[in-house]
Amino acid sequence: MPWAAAAFIGASTALAGPAAALPVLHAGCAASEYENSDGACVHRPEQSATAPDGATARCKDGTYSFSQHRRGTCSGHRGVAEWL
């Protein structure tokens, strides 16, 4: 009955499902930073009346982004309103 063993293994694997992808925290990033796709720590978007030093874009929700790449900039902030 090798088919029974294969069916059991297949069923147990299907029930387990894929491992949930958890965000990886960079050990060297401060609480005010996040790890970008290059593994570098980048300042989190912030609210400000004027563009803070180092900001690269103003998001549509009024926050300023410090992204180092255009792709994904202001995601979760309704997109980019203006590149700086």
C-alpha atoms as a PDB file:
ATOM      1  CA  MET A   1       0.000   0.000   0.000  1.00  0.00           C
ATOM      2  CA  PRO A   2       2.596   2.604  -0.962  1.00  0.00           C
ATOM      3  CA  TRP A   3      -0.207   4.771  -2.365  1.00  0.00           C
ATOM      4  CA  ALA A   4      -1.718   5.063   1.121  1.00  0.00           C
ATOM      5  CA  ALA A   5       1.534   6.444   2.531  1.00  0.00           C
ATOM      6  CA  ALA A   6       1.834   8.889  -0.371  1.00  0.00           C
ATOM      7  CA  ALA A   7      -1.766  10.005   0.133  1.00  0.00           C
ATOM      8  CA  PHE A   8      -1.138  10.542   3.859  1.00  0.00           C
ATOM      9  CA  ILE A   9       2.047  12.540   3.246  1.00  0.00           C
ATOM     10  CA  GLY A  10       0.341  14.637   0.564  1.00  0.00           C
ATOM     11  CA  ALA A  11      -2.653  15.326   2.795  1.00  0.00           C
ATOM     12  CA  SER A  12      -0.531  16.313   5.787  1.00  0.00           C
ATOM     13  CA  THR A  13       1.544  18.654   3.625  1.00  0.00           C
ATOM     14  CA  ALA A  14      -1.569  20.253   2.136  1.00  0.00           C
ATOM     15  CA  LEU A  15      -3.063  20.761   5.587  1.00  0.00           C
ATOM     16  CA  ALA A  16       0.087  22.413   6.884  1.00  0.00           C
ATOM     17  CA  GLY A  17      -0.029  24.990   4.059  1.00  0.00           C
ATOM     18  CA  PRO A  18       2.802  27.310   3.072  1.00  0.00           C
ATOM     19  CA  ALA A  19       4.879  28.971   5.738  1.00  0.00           C
ATOM     20  CA  ALA A  20       3.700  32.504   6.461  1.00  0.00           C
ATOM     21  CA  ALA A  21       6.178  35.130   5.287  1.00  0.00           C
ATOM     22  CA  LEU A  22       7.041  37.378   8.203  1.00  0.00           C
ATOM     23  CA  PRO A  23       8.839  40.678   7.728  1.00  0.00           C
ATOM     24  CA  VAL A  24      12.529  40.377   8.487  1.00  0.00           C
ATOM     25  CA  LEU A  25      13.752  42.958  10.939  1.00  0.00           C
ATOM     26  CA  HIS A  26      17.249  44.275  10.396  1.00  0.00           C
ATOM     27  CA  ALA A  27      19.146  44.038  13.649  1.00  0.00           C
ATOM     28  CA  GLY A  28      20.835  47.395  13.015  1.00  0.00           C
ATOM     29  CA  CYS A  29      17.729  49.427  12.076  1.00  0.00           C
ATOM     30  CA  ALA A  30      16.321  51.874  14.601  1.00  0.00           C
ATOM     31  CA  ALA A  31      12.609  51.897  15.422  1.00  0.00           C
ATOM     32  CA  SER A  32      12.210  54.901  13.096  1.00  0.00           C
ATOM     33  CA  GLU A  33      13.683  52.922  10.178  1.00  0.00           C
ATOM     34  CA  TYR A  34      12.835  49.924   8.002  1.00  0.00           C
ATOM     35  CA  GLU A  35      14.976  47.556   5.949  1.00  0.00           C
ATOM     36  CA  ASN A  36      14.675  48.223   2.211  1.00  0.00           C
ATOM     37  CA  SER A  37      15.045  45.687  -0.610  1.00  0.00           C
ATOM     38  CA  ASP A  38      18.831  46.188  -0.573  1.00  0.00           C
ATOM     39  CA  GLY A  39      19.030  45.393   3.130  1.00  0.00           C
ATOM     40  CA  ALA A  40      19.790  49.008   4.047  1.00  0.00           C
ATOM     41  CA  CYS A  41      18.070  50.838   6.897  1.00  0.00           C
ATOM     42  CA  VAL A  42      15.912  53.711   5.614  1.00  0.00           C
ATOM     43  CA  HIS A  43      14.015  56.358   7.594  1.00  0.00           C
ATOM     44  CA  ARG A  44      10.280  55.599   7.759  1.00  0.00           C
ATOM     45  CA  PRO A  45       7.890  58.061   6.080  1.00  0.00           C
ATOM     46  CA  GLU A  46       7.024  61.013   8.321  1.00  0.00           C
ATOM     47  CA  GLN A  47       4.517  63.862   8.537  1.00  0.00           C
ATOM     48  CA  SER A  48       6.039  67.308   8.206  1.00  0.00           C
ATOM     49  CA  ALA A  49       4.943  70.804   7.109  1.00  0.00           C
ATOM     50  CA  THR A  50       7.997  71.031   4.823  1.00  0.00           C
ATOM     51  CA  ALA A  51      10.248  68.447   3.218  1.00  0.00           C
ATOM     52  CA  PRO A  52      12.654  67.022   5.811  1.00  0.00           C
ATOM     53  CA  ASP A  53      16.344  66.688   4.952  1.00  0.00           C
ATOM     54  CA  GLY A  54      16.899  63.546   2.898  1.00  0.00           C
ATOM     55  CA  ALA A  55      13.262  63.116   1.813  1.00  0.00           C
ATOM     56  CA  THR A  56      12.931  61.829  -1.749  1.00  0.00           C
ATOM     57  CA  ALA A  57       9.175  62.093  -2.312  1.00  0.00           C
ATOM     58  CA  ARG A  58       5.976  63.580  -0.900  1.00  0.00           C
ATOM     59  CA  CYS A  59       3.243  60.964  -0.667  1.00  0.00           C
ATOM     60  CA  LYS A  60      -0.415  61.632  -1.490  1.00  0.00           C
ATOM     61  CA  ASP A  61      -1.329  61.341   2.200  1.00  0.00           C
ATOM     62  CA  GLY A  62       1.065  64.206   3.050  1.00  0.00           C
ATOM     63  CA  THR A  63       3.902  62.121   4.479  1.00  0.00           C
ATOM     64  CA  TYR A  64       7.451  62.387   3.170  1.00  0.00           C
ATOM     65  CA  SER A  65       9.316  59.292   2.015  1.00  0.00           C
ATOM     66  CA  PHE A  66      13.037  58.617   2.215  1.00  0.00           C
ATOM     67  CA  SER A  67      12.994  55.726  -0.280  1.00  0.00           C
ATOM     68  CA  GLN A  68      16.163  54.990  -2.184  1.00  0.00           C
ATOM     69  CA  HIS A  69      14.286  53.405  -5.115  1.00  0.00           C
ATOM     70  CA  ARG A  70      11.204  54.597  -6.985  1.00  0.00           C
ATOM     71  CA  ARG A  71       9.544  51.197  -7.012  1.00  0.00           C
ATOM     72  CA  GLY A  72       7.297  50.861  -3.970  1.00  0.00           C
ATOM     73  CA  THR A  73       7.793  54.452  -2.801  1.00  0.00           C
ATOM     74  CA  CYS A  74       4.743  55.663  -0.847  1.00  0.00           C
ATOM     75  CA  SER A  75       3.047  52.286  -1.106  1.00  0.00           C
ATOM     76  CA  GLY A  76       0.582  52.274   1.746  1.00  0.00           C
ATOM     77  CA  HIS A  77       0.497  56.072   1.553  1.00  0.00           C
ATOM     78  CA  ARG A  78      -1.718  56.307  -1.569  1.00  0.00           C
ATOM     79  CA  GLY A  79       1.221  56.729  -3.968  1.00  0.00           C
ATOM     80  CA  VAL A  80       3.637  59.512  -4.841  1.00  0.00           C
ATOM     81  CA  ALA A  81       2.299  63.071  -5.144  1.00  0.00           C
ATOM     82  CA  GLU A  82       5.664  64.625  -5.971  1.00  0.00           C
ATOM     83  CA  TRP A  83       9.259  63.486  -6.431  1.00  0.00           C
ATOM     84  CA  LEU A  84      11.766  65.721  -4.652  1.00  0.00           C
END
